[in-house]
Protein backbone atom coordinates (compact mmCIF):
# COMPACT_ATOMS: atom_id res chain seq x y z
CA MET A 1 121.89 111.60 84.91
CA LEU A 2 125.64 111.49 86.05
CA GLU A 3 126.77 114.02 88.42
CA LYS A 4 130.15 114.71 90.14
CA LYS A 5 131.27 117.58 92.07
CA LEU A 6 134.60 118.62 91.05
CA ARG A 7 137.12 121.06 92.12
CA GLN A 8 139.65 123.40 90.12
CA ILE A 9 142.46 121.31 88.95
CA PRO A 10 145.61 122.60 90.57
CA LYS A 11 148.33 123.80 88.27
CA GLU A 12 150.89 121.35 88.45
CA HIS A 13 148.84 118.50 87.76
CA LEU A 14 148.03 120.09 84.17
CA VAL A 15 148.85 118.57 80.96
CA LYS A 16 150.47 120.63 78.62
CA GLY A 17 148.64 120.13 75.44
CA LYS A 18 145.53 118.93 76.41
CA TRP A 19 141.95 120.61 76.48
CA PHE A 20 140.23 121.03 79.46
CA LEU A 21 136.59 121.81 80.74
CA GLY A 22 136.04 124.58 83.16
CA ARG A 23 135.26 128.36 83.38
CA GLY A 24 136.38 131.00 81.76
CA ARG A 25 136.08 135.13 80.80
CA ASN A 26 135.89 133.93 76.83
CA SER A 27 134.93 130.37 76.58
CA ASP A 28 134.59 127.11 78.83
CA VAL A 29 136.83 124.92 77.15
CA GLY A 30 140.52 125.73 76.83
CA TYR A 31 143.71 123.86 75.54
CA TRP A 32 146.90 124.01 78.17
CA ASP A 33 149.98 125.46 76.15
CA GLY A 34 152.12 125.16 79.30
CA LYS A 35 151.47 128.54 80.50
CA ASN A 36 147.57 129.78 79.22
CA PHE A 37 145.04 128.22 78.06
CA LEU A 38 143.90 128.90 74.65
CA VAL A 39 140.11 129.44 73.87
CA ILE A 40 138.10 130.97 71.14
CA GLY A 41 136.43 134.46 71.63
CA PHE A 42 134.98 136.97 69.69
CA LYS A 43 135.80 140.07 68.20
CA PHE A 44 133.96 141.98 65.88
CA ASN A 45 131.73 138.77 65.90
CA GLU A 46 133.96 137.02 64.40
CA PRO A 47 136.11 134.00 66.42
CA VAL A 48 139.24 134.57 67.45
CA ILE A 49 141.76 132.27 69.58
CA LYS A 50 142.29 133.95 73.07
CA GLN A 51 145.01 133.65 75.64
CA GLU A 52 143.30 133.20 79.59
CA GLY A 53 146.08 132.65 82.48
CA TYR A 54 145.39 130.04 85.22
CA TYR A 55 143.13 131.39 87.61
CA GLU A 56 144.30 132.48 91.16
CA LYS A 57 143.45 134.65 93.60
CA ASP A 58 144.84 137.69 91.84
CA PHE A 59 145.33 136.68 88.75
CA GLY A 60 144.20 134.69 85.56
CA CYS A 61 140.73 134.06 84.38
CA PHE A 62 140.17 130.49 83.73
CA GLN A 63 139.36 127.52 85.87
CA PRO A 64 139.92 123.68 84.89
CA PHE A 65 137.69 121.46 86.30
CA TRP A 66 138.12 118.44 84.17
CA LEU A 67 140.52 117.00 81.66
CA ILE A 68 138.68 116.04 78.51
CA PRO A 69 139.33 112.50 77.50
CA GLU A 70 139.91 111.97 74.25
CA GLY A 71 138.90 108.78 73.57
CA GLU A 72 139.93 105.69 71.26
CA ILE A 73 138.13 104.23 67.86
CA ILE A 74 137.48 100.88 68.65
CA GLU A 75 135.70 99.74 65.48
CA PRO A 76 137.53 101.47 62.63
CA PHE A 77 136.05 101.83 58.86
CA GLY A 78 139.61 100.11 57.68
CA LYS A 79 143.22 99.46 58.88
CA VAL A 80 145.38 102.11 57.20
CA GLY A 81 145.20 105.75 56.53
CA TRP A 82 142.07 107.68 57.27
CA ASN A 83 140.22 104.61 57.21
CA ARG A 84 141.98 103.91 60.15
CA HIS A 85 141.42 107.17 62.07
CA TYR A 86 137.34 107.16 61.66
CA GLY A 87 135.31 104.80 62.91
CA LYS A 88 132.05 102.94 63.70
CA THR A 89 132.48 103.02 67.85
CA PHE A 90 134.25 104.93 70.13
CA LEU A 91 135.61 104.47 73.54
CA LEU A 92 135.58 106.84 75.65
CA LYS A 93 136.97 106.38 79.36
CA PHE A 94 135.91 108.55 82.40
CA GLU A 95 137.78 108.58 85.70
């Protein structure tokens, strides 16, 4: 098992347009839009997109701990179009 202790990522180190693993009120995965985290929550048992602010002492409810790496296809099914987008082997780099 791989274990690593993580601290909350400082707000100034967040990358707009990336997904983060963390702790939130509605979800533990959030998309940083540059101002808030967009998360999937539920309203009347239906999924909805909600905004959660960056967790600070007096505000916010999403604590980001890890930027989720996107990875890349290294053995695609083909060379063009969707065949290049999907594949047999996916490379995920951990930092």
